[in-house]
PDB file of N, CA and C in Angstrom:
ATOM      1  N   MET A   1     -18.781   7.453  14.870  1.00  0.00           N
ATOM      2  CA  MET A   1     -20.372   8.060  13.891  1.00  0.00           C
ATOM      3  C   MET A   1     -20.992   8.847  15.547  1.00  0.00           C
ATOM      4  N   LYS A   2     -21.566   9.513  15.273  1.00  0.00           N
ATOM      5  CA  LYS A   2     -21.959  10.513  15.816  1.00  0.00           C
ATOM      6  C   LYS A   2     -23.942  11.443  15.127  1.00  0.00           C
ATOM      7  N   THR A   3     -24.569  10.969  15.879  1.00  0.00           N
ATOM      8  CA  THR A   3     -25.968  11.106  15.631  1.00  0.00           C
ATOM      9  C   THR A   3     -27.283  12.266  16.747  1.00  0.00           C
ATOM     10  N   LYS A   4     -27.819  12.611  16.684  1.00  0.00           N
ATOM     11  CA  LYS A   4     -28.720  13.469  16.809  1.00  0.00           C
ATOM     12  C   LYS A   4     -30.201  13.014  17.409  1.00  0.00           C
ATOM     13  N   VAL A   5     -30.702  12.534  17.950  1.00  0.00           N
ATOM     14  CA  VAL A   5     -31.685  12.200  18.535  1.00  0.00           C
ATOM     15  C   VAL A   5     -32.213  13.638  18.992  1.00  0.00           C
ATOM     16  N   GLU A   6     -32.797  13.507  18.051  1.00  0.00           N
ATOM     17  CA  GLU A   6     -34.917  14.988  19.104  1.00  0.00           C
ATOM     18  C   GLU A   6     -35.439  14.246  19.577  1.00  0.00           C
ATOM     19  N   ASN A   7     -36.361  13.125  19.555  1.00  0.00           N
ATOM     20  CA  ASN A   7     -37.140  12.307  19.780  1.00  0.00           C
ATOM     21  C   ASN A   7     -37.218  12.333  21.438  1.00  0.00           C
ATOM     22  N   TRP A   8     -35.609  11.919  22.291  1.00  0.00           N
ATOM     23  CA  TRP A   8     -35.051  12.102  23.287  1.00  0.00           C
ATOM     24  C   TRP A   8     -35.153  13.599  24.449  1.00  0.00           C
ATOM     25  N   GLU A   9     -35.375  13.507  25.682  1.00  0.00           N
ATOM     26  CA  GLU A   9     -35.411  14.225  26.981  1.00  0.00           C
ATOM     27  C   GLU A   9     -33.791  14.079  26.653  1.00  0.00           C
ATOM     28  N   PHE A  10     -32.929  14.121  27.179  1.00  0.00           N
ATOM     29  CA  PHE A  10     -32.056  14.213  27.649  1.00  0.00           C
ATOM     30  C   PHE A  10     -31.408  15.122  29.123  1.00  0.00           C
ATOM     31  N   THR A  11     -31.232  14.103  29.625  1.00  0.00           N
ATOM     32  CA  THR A  11     -30.990  14.385  31.577  1.00  0.00           C
ATOM     33  C   THR A  11     -29.772  13.914  31.698  1.00  0.00           C
ATOM     34  N   LEU A  12     -29.217  14.358  32.967  1.00  0.00           N
ATOM     35  CA  LEU A  12     -27.851  13.591  33.534  1.00  0.00           C
ATOM     36  C   LEU A  12     -27.546  12.043  33.340  1.00  0.00           C
ATOM     37  N   GLU A  13     -28.862  11.503  33.843  1.00  0.00           N
ATOM     38  CA  GLU A  13     -28.879   9.354  34.345  1.00  0.00           C
ATOM     39  C   GLU A  13     -27.945   9.649  33.038  1.00  0.00           C
ATOM     40  N   LEU A  14     -28.450   9.816  31.206  1.00  0.00           N
ATOM     41  CA  LEU A  14     -27.468   8.715  30.440  1.00  0.00           C
ATOM     42  C   LEU A  14     -26.653   8.847  30.219  1.00  0.00           C
ATOM     43  N   GLN A  15     -25.934   9.846  31.796  1.00  0.00           N
ATOM     44  CA  GLN A  15     -24.489   9.886  31.370  1.00  0.00           C
ATOM     45  C   GLN A  15     -23.857   8.464  32.252  1.00  0.00           C
ATOM     46  N   ASN A  16     -24.906   8.227  32.624  1.00  0.00           N
ATOM     47  CA  ASN A  16     -24.149   6.920  33.795  1.00  0.00           C
ATOM     48  C   ASN A  16     -25.039   5.731  33.613  1.00  0.00           C
ATOM     49  N   LYS A  17     -23.834   5.116  32.508  1.00  0.00           N
ATOM     50  CA  LYS A  17     -24.023   3.864  31.584  1.00  0.00           C
ATOM     51  C   LYS A  17     -24.795   2.831  32.466  1.00  0.00           C
ATOM     52  N   SER A  18     -24.721   2.483  33.530  1.00  0.00           N
ATOM     53  CA  SER A  18     -25.321   1.760  34.907  1.00  0.00           C
ATOM     54  C   SER A  18     -27.133   1.647  35.087  1.00  0.00           C
ATOM     55  N   SER A  19     -27.477   3.878  35.100  1.00  0.00           N
ATOM     56  CA  SER A  19     -29.038   3.659  34.908  1.00  0.00           C
ATOM     57  C   SER A  19     -29.456   3.321  34.076  1.00  0.00           C
ATOM     58  N   ALA A  20     -30.824   2.969  34.483  1.00  0.00           N
ATOM     59  CA  ALA A  20     -32.195   2.777  33.795  1.00  0.00           C
ATOM     60  C   ALA A  20     -32.149   3.915  32.820  1.00  0.00           C
ATOM     61  N   SER A  21     -32.605   4.847  32.944  1.00  0.00           N
ATOM     62  CA  SER A  21     -32.343   5.486  31.868  1.00  0.00           C
ATOM     63  C   SER A  21     -31.274   5.215  30.531  1.00  0.00           C
ATOM     64  N   PHE A  22     -29.770   5.573  30.516  1.00  0.00           N
ATOM     65  CA  PHE A  22     -29.138   5.039  29.843  1.00  0.00           C
ATOM     66  C   PHE A  22     -29.167   3.706  28.971  1.00  0.00           C
ATOM     67  N   GLN A  23     -29.671   2.963  30.139  1.00  0.00           N
ATOM     68  CA  GLN A  23     -29.953   1.197  29.639  1.00  0.00           C
ATOM     69  C   GLN A  23     -31.171   1.001  29.007  1.00  0.00           C
ATOM     70  N   ALA A  24     -32.074   1.855  28.908  1.00  0.00           N
ATOM     71  CA  ALA A  24     -33.231   2.135  28.330  1.00  0.00           C
ATOM     72  C   ALA A  24     -32.792   2.562  27.092  1.00  0.00           C
ATOM     73  N   PHE A  25     -32.580   3.891  26.546  1.00  0.00           N
ATOM     74  CA  PHE A  25     -32.180   4.371  25.832  1.00  0.00           C
ATOM     75  C   PHE A  25     -31.204   3.486  24.971  1.00  0.00           C
ATOM     76  N   GLU A  26     -30.345   3.302  25.454  1.00  0.00           N
ATOM     77  CA  GLU A  26     -29.584   2.172  24.486  1.00  0.00           C
ATOM     78  C   GLU A  26     -30.148   1.001  23.858  1.00  0.00           C
ATOM     79  N   LYS A  27     -30.992   0.552  24.474  1.00  0.00           N
ATOM     80  CA  LYS A  27     -31.912  -0.530  23.724  1.00  0.00           C
ATOM     81  C   LYS A  27     -32.546  -0.738  22.943  1.00  0.00           C
ATOM     82  N   GLU A  28     -33.241   1.435  23.484  1.00  0.00           N
ATOM     83  CA  GLU A  28     -34.458   1.698  21.994  1.00  0.00           C
ATOM     84  C   GLU A  28     -33.419   2.423  20.742  1.00  0.00           C
ATOM     85  N   PHE A  29     -32.267   2.523  21.120  1.00  0.00           N
ATOM     86  CA  PHE A  29     -30.928   2.692  20.175  1.00  0.00           C
ATOM     87  C   PHE A  29     -30.793   1.684  19.655  1.00  0.00           C
ATOM     88  N   LYS A  30     -30.636   0.140  19.853  1.00  0.00           N
ATOM     89  CA  LYS A  30     -29.393  -0.790  19.002  1.00  0.00           C
ATOM     90  C   LYS A  30     -30.573  -1.217  18.234  1.00  0.00           C
ATOM     91  N   GLU A  31     -31.516  -1.128  18.492  1.00  0.00           N
ATOM     92  CA  GLU A  31     -33.171  -1.718  17.923  1.00  0.00           C
ATOM     93  C   GLU A  31     -32.828  -0.569  16.757  1.00  0.00           C
ATOM     94  N   GLN A  32     -33.056  -0.248  16.489  1.00  0.00           N
ATOM     95  CA  GLN A  32     -33.219   0.803  15.704  1.00  0.00           C
ATOM     96  C   GLN A  32     -32.036   1.212  14.585  1.00  0.00           C
ATOM     97  N   MET A  33     -30.490   0.746  14.864  1.00  0.00           N
ATOM     98  CA  MET A  33     -29.728   0.641  14.340  1.00  0.00           C
ATOM     99  C   MET A  33     -29.769  -0.429  13.366  1.00  0.00           C
ATOM    100  N   ARG A  34     -29.788  -1.066  14.977  1.00  0.00           N
ATOM    101  CA  ARG A  34     -30.265  -2.905  13.928  1.00  0.00           C
ATOM    102  C   ARG A  34     -31.379  -3.004  12.591  1.00  0.00           C
ATOM    103  N   ASP A  35     -32.349  -2.940  13.191  1.00  0.00           N
ATOM    104  CA  ASP A  35     -33.187  -2.110  11.673  1.00  0.00           C
ATOM    105  C   ASP A  35     -32.513  -1.181  10.423  1.00  0.00           C
ATOM    106  N   LEU A  36     -31.866  -0.456  10.652  1.00  0.00           N
ATOM    107  CA  LEU A  36     -31.786   0.980   9.791  1.00  0.00           C
ATOM    108  C   LEU A  36     -29.708   0.291   8.861  1.00  0.00           C
ATOM    109  N   TYR A  37     -29.224  -1.139  10.347  1.00  0.00           N
ATOM    110  CA  TYR A  37     -28.106  -1.392   9.247  1.00  0.00           C
ATOM    111  C   TYR A  37     -28.559  -3.063   9.200  1.00  0.00           C
ATOM    112  N   LYS A  38     -29.599  -3.577   8.916  1.00  0.00           N
ATOM    113  CA  LYS A  38     -29.735  -4.955   8.438  1.00  0.00           C
ATOM    114  C   LYS A  38     -29.718  -5.646   6.873  1.00  0.00           C
ATOM    115  N   TYR A  39     -29.736  -4.581   6.151  1.00  0.00           N
ATOM    116  CA  TYR A  39     -28.451  -5.179   4.668  1.00  0.00           C
ATOM    117  C   TYR A  39     -27.087  -4.368   4.646  1.00  0.00           C
ATOM    118  N   ILE A  40     -26.794  -4.389   5.622  1.00  0.00           N
ATOM    119  CA  ILE A  40     -25.253  -3.229   5.911  1.00  0.00           C
ATOM    120  C   ILE A  40     -24.870  -4.985   6.139  1.00  0.00           C
ATOM    121  N   GLU A  41     -23.423  -5.066   5.228  1.00  0.00           N
ATOM    122  CA  GLU A  41     -22.360  -7.038   4.906  1.00  0.00           C
ATOM    123  C   GLU A  41     -21.772  -6.395   6.079  1.00  0.00           C
ATOM    124  N   GLY A  42     -21.660  -7.673   7.406  1.00  0.00           N
ATOM    125  CA  GLY A  42     -21.138  -7.738   8.653  1.00  0.00           C
ATOM    126  C   GLY A  42     -21.219  -6.908   9.946  1.00  0.00           C
ATOM    127  N   TYR A  43     -22.692  -6.362   9.516  1.00  0.00           N
ATOM    128  CA  TYR A  43     -23.082  -5.532  10.748  1.00  0.00           C
ATOM    129  C   TYR A  43     -23.481  -6.496  12.178  1.00  0.00           C
ATOM    130  N   GLN A  44     -22.852  -5.797  12.764  1.00  0.00           N
ATOM    131  CA  GLN A  44     -23.304  -7.040  13.941  1.00  0.00           C
ATOM    132  C   GLN A  44     -24.064  -6.365  15.498  1.00  0.00           C
ATOM    133  N   ASP A  45     -23.364  -4.637  16.089  1.00  0.00           N
ATOM    134  CA  ASP A  45     -24.032  -4.080  16.328  1.00  0.00           C
ATOM    135  C   ASP A  45     -23.954  -2.545  17.065  1.00  0.00           C
ATOM    136  N   VAL A  46     -23.847  -2.212  17.631  1.00  0.00           N
ATOM    137  CA  VAL A  46     -23.529  -0.431  17.952  1.00  0.00           C
ATOM    138  C   VAL A  46     -23.355  -0.319  19.463  1.00  0.00           C
ATOM    139  N   LEU A  47     -21.601   0.299  19.477  1.00  0.00           N
ATOM    140  CA  LEU A  47     -21.426   0.347  21.260  1.00  0.00           C
ATOM    141  C   LEU A  47     -21.304   2.195  21.378  1.00  0.00           C
ATOM    142  N   ILE A  48     -22.533   2.308  22.395  1.00  0.00           N
ATOM    143  CA  ILE A  48     -22.636   3.414  22.751  1.00  0.00           C
ATOM    144  C   ILE A  48     -21.493   4.225  23.295  1.00  0.00           C
ATOM    145  N   GLN A  49     -21.300   5.292  22.615  1.00  0.00           N
ATOM    146  CA  GLN A  49     -19.267   6.076  23.437  1.00  0.00           C
ATOM    147  C   GLN A  49     -19.806   6.954  24.413  1.00  0.00           C
ATOM    148  N   GLU A  50     -19.932   8.017  24.361  1.00  0.00           N
ATOM    149  CA  GLU A  50     -21.609   8.763  24.944  1.00  0.00           C
ATOM    150  C   GLU A  50     -22.482   9.542  24.380  1.00  0.00           C
ATOM    151  N   LEU A  51     -23.793   9.933  25.637  1.00  0.00           N
ATOM    152  CA  LEU A  51     -24.644  10.227  24.949  1.00  0.00           C
ATOM    153  C   LEU A  51     -24.574  12.258  25.632  1.00  0.00           C
ATOM    154  N   THR A  52     -24.489  12.953  25.560  1.00  0.00           N
ATOM    155  CA  THR A  52     -24.662  14.568  25.533  1.00  0.00           C
ATOM    156  C   THR A  52     -25.503  15.485  25.049  1.00  0.00           C
ATOM    157  N   GLN A  53     -25.610  16.379  25.666  1.00  0.00           N
ATOM    158  CA  GLN A  53     -26.538  17.615  24.780  1.00  0.00           C
ATOM    159  C   GLN A  53     -26.789  18.175  23.837  1.00  0.00           C
ATOM    160  N   GLY A  54     -27.430  18.230  23.820  1.00  0.00           N
ATOM    161  CA  GLY A  54     -28.363  18.687  21.972  1.00  0.00           C
ATOM    162  C   GLY A  54     -29.730  17.862  21.417  1.00  0.00           C
ATOM    163  N   SER A  55     -30.525  18.234  22.537  1.00  0.00           N
ATOM    164  CA  SER A  55     -31.633  16.977  22.467  1.00  0.00           C
ATOM    165  C   SER A  55     -30.349  15.553  23.301  1.00  0.00           C
ATOM    166  N   ILE A  56     -30.408  14.561  22.292  1.00  0.00           N
ATOM    167  CA  ILE A  56     -28.915  13.344  23.013  1.00  0.00           C
ATOM    168  C   ILE A  56     -28.350  13.752  21.356  1.00  0.00           C
ATOM    169  N   VAL A  57     -26.852  13.694  21.654  1.00  0.00           N
ATOM    170  CA  VAL A  57     -25.710  13.628  20.824  1.00  0.00           C
ATOM    171  C   VAL A  57     -25.729  12.353  21.324  1.00  0.00           C
ATOM    172  N   VAL A  58     -25.277  10.710  20.601  1.00  0.00           N
ATOM    173  CA  VAL A  58     -25.312  10.424  20.427  1.00  0.00           C
ATOM    174  C   VAL A  58     -23.558   9.860  19.091  1.00  0.00           C
ATOM    175  N   ASN A  59     -22.989   9.613  20.114  1.00  0.00           N
ATOM    176  CA  ASN A  59     -21.199   9.044  19.126  1.00  0.00           C
ATOM    177  C   ASN A  59     -21.196   8.048  19.802  1.00  0.00           C
ATOM    178  N   TYR A  60     -21.346   7.654  19.153  1.00  0.00           N
ATOM    179  CA  TYR A  60     -20.951   5.160  18.497  1.00  0.00           C
ATOM    180  C   TYR A  60     -20.325   4.768  17.839  1.00  0.00           C
ATOM    181  N   MET A  61     -20.057   3.892  18.600  1.00  0.00           N
ATOM    182  CA  MET A  61     -19.241   2.827  17.040  1.00  0.00           C
ATOM    183  C   MET A  61     -19.820   1.832  16.114  1.00  0.00           C
ATOM    184  N   VAL A  62     -19.764   1.724  14.659  1.00  0.00           N
ATOM    185  CA  VAL A  62     -20.944   0.098  14.353  1.00  0.00           C
ATOM    186  C   VAL A  62     -19.958  -0.587  14.519  1.00  0.00           C
ATOM    187  N   LEU A  63     -20.386  -1.553  14.598  1.00  0.00           N
ATOM    188  CA  LEU A  63     -19.680  -3.052  14.924  1.00  0.00           C
ATOM    189  C   LEU A  63     -19.563  -3.858  13.547  1.00  0.00           C
ATOM    190  N   LEU A  64     -18.936  -4.157  12.983  1.00  0.00           N
ATOM    191  CA  LEU A  64     -18.592  -5.001  11.697  1.00  0.00           C
ATOM    192  C   LEU A  64     -18.170  -6.436  11.939  1.00  0.00           C
ATOM    193  N   LYS A  65     -18.167  -7.053  11.470  1.00  0.00           N
ATOM    194  CA  LYS A  65     -17.366  -8.407  11.319  1.00  0.00           C
ATOM    195  C   LYS A  65     -17.318  -8.508   9.998  1.00  0.00           C
ATOM    196  N   VAL A  66     -16.217  -8.566   9.644  1.00  0.00           N
ATOM    197  CA  VAL A  66     -15.510  -8.510   7.869  1.00  0.00           C
ATOM    198  C   VAL A  66     -15.021  -8.718   7.734  1.00  0.00           C
ATOM    199  N   PRO A  67     -14.990 -10.639   6.617  1.00  0.00           N
ATOM    200  CA  PRO A  67     -13.789 -11.681   6.807  1.00  0.00           C
ATOM    201  C   PRO A  67     -12.238 -10.450   5.597  1.00  0.00           C
ATOM    202  N   ALA A  68     -10.694 -11.279   6.795  1.00  0.00           N
ATOM    203  CA  ALA A  68     -10.046 -11.001   6.601  1.00  0.00           C
ATOM    204  C   ALA A  68      -9.980 -11.283   4.695  1.00  0.00           C
ATOM    205  N   SER A  69      -9.157 -10.429   3.407  1.00  0.00           N
ATOM    206  CA  SER A  69      -9.402 -10.783   2.550  1.00  0.00           C
ATOM    207  C   SER A  69      -8.090  -9.767   2.016  1.00  0.00           C
ATOM    208  N   THR A  70      -7.579 -10.085   1.129  1.00  0.00           N
ATOM    209  CA  THR A  70      -7.024  -9.235  -0.133  1.00  0.00           C
ATOM    210  C   THR A  70      -7.374  -8.014   0.376  1.00  0.00           C
ATOM    211  N   LYS A  71      -8.393  -7.742  -0.172  1.00  0.00           N
ATOM    212  CA  LYS A  71      -9.687  -6.729   0.316  1.00  0.00           C
ATOM    213  C   LYS A  71     -10.475  -6.397   0.489  1.00  0.00           C
ATOM    214  N   ALA A  72      -9.751  -6.107   1.499  1.00  0.00           N
ATOM    215  CA  ALA A  72     -10.528  -5.612   3.871  1.00  0.00           C
ATOM    216  C   ALA A  72     -10.549  -4.438   2.677  1.00  0.00           C
ATOM    217  N   ASN A  73      -9.432  -3.602   2.427  1.00  0.00           N
ATOM    218  CA  ASN A  73     -10.149  -2.502   3.269  1.00  0.00           C
ATOM    219  C   ASN A  73     -10.728  -1.405   2.182  1.00  0.00           C
ATOM    220  N   GLU A  74     -10.476  -2.074   0.867  1.00  0.00           N
ATOM    221  CA  GLU A  74     -12.036  -1.776  -0.797  1.00  0.00           C
ATOM    222  C   GLU A  74     -13.722  -1.677   0.411  1.00  0.00           C
ATOM    223  N   THR A  75     -13.383  -3.536   0.486  1.00  0.00           N
ATOM    224  CA  THR A  75     -14.750  -3.825   1.728  1.00  0.00           C
ATOM    225  C   THR A  75     -15.071  -2.973   2.612  1.00  0.00           C
ATOM    226  N   LEU A  76     -14.174  -2.278   3.498  1.00  0.00           N
ATOM    227  CA  LEU A  76     -14.499  -1.693   4.914  1.00  0.00           C
ATOM    228  C   LEU A  76     -15.081  -0.110   3.658  1.00  0.00           C
ATOM    229  N   LYS A  77     -14.208   0.549   2.825  1.00  0.00           N
ATOM    230  CA  LYS A  77     -14.722   1.727   2.872  1.00  0.00           C
ATOM    231  C   LYS A  77     -15.901   1.633   1.526  1.00  0.00           C
ATOM    232  N   THR A  78     -16.516   0.598   1.149  1.00  0.00           N
ATOM    233  CA  THR A  78     -18.086   0.724   0.499  1.00  0.00           C
ATOM    234  C   THR A  78     -19.125   0.394   1.530  1.00  0.00           C
ATOM    235  N   ILE A  79     -18.900  -0.480   2.574  1.00  0.00           N
ATOM    236  CA  ILE A  79     -19.296  -0.687   3.953  1.00  0.00           C
ATOM    237  C   ILE A  79     -19.352   0.614   4.567  1.00  0.00           C
ATOM    238  N   SER A  80     -18.222   1.298   4.958  1.00  0.00           N
ATOM    239  CA  SER A  80     -18.188   2.704   5.256  1.00  0.00           C
ATOM    240  C   SER A  80     -19.314   3.841   4.894  1.00  0.00           C
ATOM    241  N   ASN A  81     -19.273   3.360   3.383  1.00  0.00           N
ATOM    242  CA  ASN A  81     -20.427   5.032   2.999  1.00  0.00           C
ATOM    243  C   ASN A  81     -22.067   3.917   2.951  1.00  0.00           C
ATOM    244  N   GLU A  82     -21.951   2.760   2.730  1.00  0.00           N
ATOM    245  CA  GLU A  82     -23.235   2.152   2.446  1.00  0.00           C
ATOM    246  C   GLU A  82     -23.690   2.566   4.202  1.00  0.00           C
ATOM    247  N   LEU A  83     -23.034   2.366   5.861  1.00  0.00           N
ATOM    248  CA  LEU A  83     -23.706   3.167   5.872  1.00  0.00           C
ATOM    249  C   LEU A  83     -23.966   4.077   5.883  1.00  0.00           C
ATOM    250  N   ILE A  84     -23.390   5.193   5.602  1.00  0.00           N
ATOM    251  CA  ILE A  84     -23.973   6.546   5.758  1.00  0.00           C
ATOM    252  C   ILE A  84     -24.360   6.970   4.993  1.00  0.00           C
ATOM    253  N   ASN A  85     -25.307   6.207   3.656  1.00  0.00           N
ATOM    254  CA  ASN A  85     -25.677   6.206   3.305  1.00  0.00           C
ATOM    255  C   ASN A  85     -27.013   5.758   3.646  1.00  0.00           C
ATOM    256  N   ALA A  86     -27.417   4.782   3.305  1.00  0.00           N
ATOM    257  CA  ALA A  86     -28.545   3.805   5.420  1.00  0.00           C
ATOM    258  C   ALA A  86     -29.081   4.986   6.515  1.00  0.00           C
ATOM    259  N   ILE A  87     -28.133   5.898   6.764  1.00  0.00           N
ATOM    260  CA  ILE A  87     -28.361   6.412   8.008  1.00  0.00           C
ATOM    261  C   ILE A  87     -28.654   7.359   7.199  1.00  0.00           C
ATOM    262  N   THR A  88     -28.257   8.240   6.294  1.00  0.00           N
ATOM    263  CA  THR A  88     -28.754   9.896   5.894  1.00  0.00           C
ATOM    264  C   THR A  88     -30.631   9.696   5.489  1.00  0.00           C
ATOM    265  N   SER A  89     -30.528   7.946   4.299  1.00  0.00           N
ATOM    266  CA  SER A  89     -31.880   8.205   4.201  1.00  0.00           C
ATOM    267  C   SER A  89     -32.651   7.352   4.647  1.00  0.00           C
ATOM    268  N   SER A  90     -32.140   7.291   5.338  1.00  0.00           N
ATOM    269  CA  SER A  90     -33.619   6.369   6.439  1.00  0.00           C
ATOM    270  C   SER A  90     -35.097   7.359   7.375  1.00  0.00           C
ATOM    271  N   THR A  91     -36.223   7.402   6.493  1.00  0.00           N
ATOM    272  CA  THR A  91     -37.298   7.926   7.103  1.00  0.00           C
ATOM    273  C   THR A  91     -36.934   8.636   9.093  1.00  0.00           C
ATOM    274  N   THR A  92     -36.862   6.548   9.287  1.00  0.00           N
ATOM    275  CA  THR A  92     -36.733   7.118  10.948  1.00  0.00           C
ATOM    276  C   THR A  92     -36.191   8.134  11.690  1.00  0.00           C
ATOM    277  N   CYS A  93     -34.473   7.845  10.530  1.00  0.00           N
ATOM    278  CA  CYS A  93     -34.025   9.437  10.916  1.00  0.00           C
ATOM    279  C   CYS A  93     -33.978  10.150  10.931  1.00  0.00           C
ATOM    280  N   ASN A  94     -34.621  10.896   9.459  1.00  0.00           N
ATOM    281  CA  ASN A  94     -35.482  12.149   9.409  1.00  0.00           C
ATOM    282  C   ASN A  94     -35.866  12.228  10.677  1.00  0.00           C
ATOM    283  N   GLU A  95     -36.702  11.863  11.301  1.00  0.00           N
ATOM    284  CA  GLU A  95     -37.158  11.728  11.521  1.00  0.00           C
ATOM    285  C   GLU A  95     -36.934  12.573  13.799  1.00  0.00           C
ATOM    286  N   SER A  96     -35.919  11.801  13.767  1.00  0.00           N
ATOM    287  CA  SER A  96     -34.642  11.382  15.332  1.00  0.00           C
ATOM    288  C   SER A  96     -33.249  11.955  14.751  1.00  0.00           C
ATOM    289  N   CYS A  97     -33.100  13.120  14.389  1.00  0.00           N
ATOM    290  CA  CYS A  97     -31.192  12.667  14.088  1.00  0.00           C
ATOM    291  C   CYS A  97     -31.069  13.342  12.615  1.00  0.00           C
ATOM    292  N   LYS A  98     -30.109  14.490  13.268  1.00  0.00           N
ATOM    293  CA  LYS A  98     -29.693  15.016  11.759  1.00  0.00           C
ATOM    294  C   LYS A  98     -28.450  14.061  11.387  1.00  0.00           C
ATOM    295  N   GLY A  99     -28.741  14.137   9.485  1.00  0.00           N
ATOM    296  CA  GLY A  99     -28.029  13.081   8.737  1.00  0.00           C
ATOM    297  C   GLY A  99     -27.100  13.896   8.941  1.00  0.00           C
ATOM    298  N   ASP A 100     -26.552  14.983   9.264  1.00  0.00           N
ATOM    299  CA  ASP A 100     -25.074  15.307   9.001  1.00  0.00           C
ATOM    300  C   ASP A 100     -24.537  16.581  10.313  1.00  0.00           C
ATOM    301  N   ASN A 101     -24.799  15.505  10.943  1.00  0.00           N
ATOM    302  CA  ASN A 101     -24.083  15.287  11.950  1.00  0.00           C
ATOM    303  C   ASN A 101     -23.719  14.590  11.716  1.00  0.00           C
ATOM    304  N   PHE A 102     -22.536  13.260  11.132  1.00  0.00           N
ATOM    305  CA  PHE A 102     -21.441  12.342  11.118  1.00  0.00           C
ATOM    306  C   PHE A 102     -20.133  12.978  11.204  1.00  0.00           C
ATOM    307  N   GLU A 103     -19.094  12.296  11.983  1.00  0.00           N
ATOM    308  CA  GLU A 103     -17.509  12.300  11.875  1.00  0.00           C
ATOM    309  C   GLU A 103     -17.544  10.930  11.507  1.00  0.00           C
TER     310      GLU A 103
END
């Protein structure tokens, strides 16, 4: 998934995952996503793949734990829709990210 965070200023330090700036951003982003996705079945965490300029564009993966079953594909499709609905309808997101920037 990809989202745009507008209430943080991008710096080159954010490209280094071991920097204090990246770690502070990651902690805050994960807290926001945990709150946003708390009702999503199987939600575990998010993994930031990269941060790029444009305010801050966050390319991330949502980590899920979905039980294996004959309906696994159906379950994943439902969860995918719930993830998109959660972030596009979030007041927090509307203040800090662009909901139409998902891939």
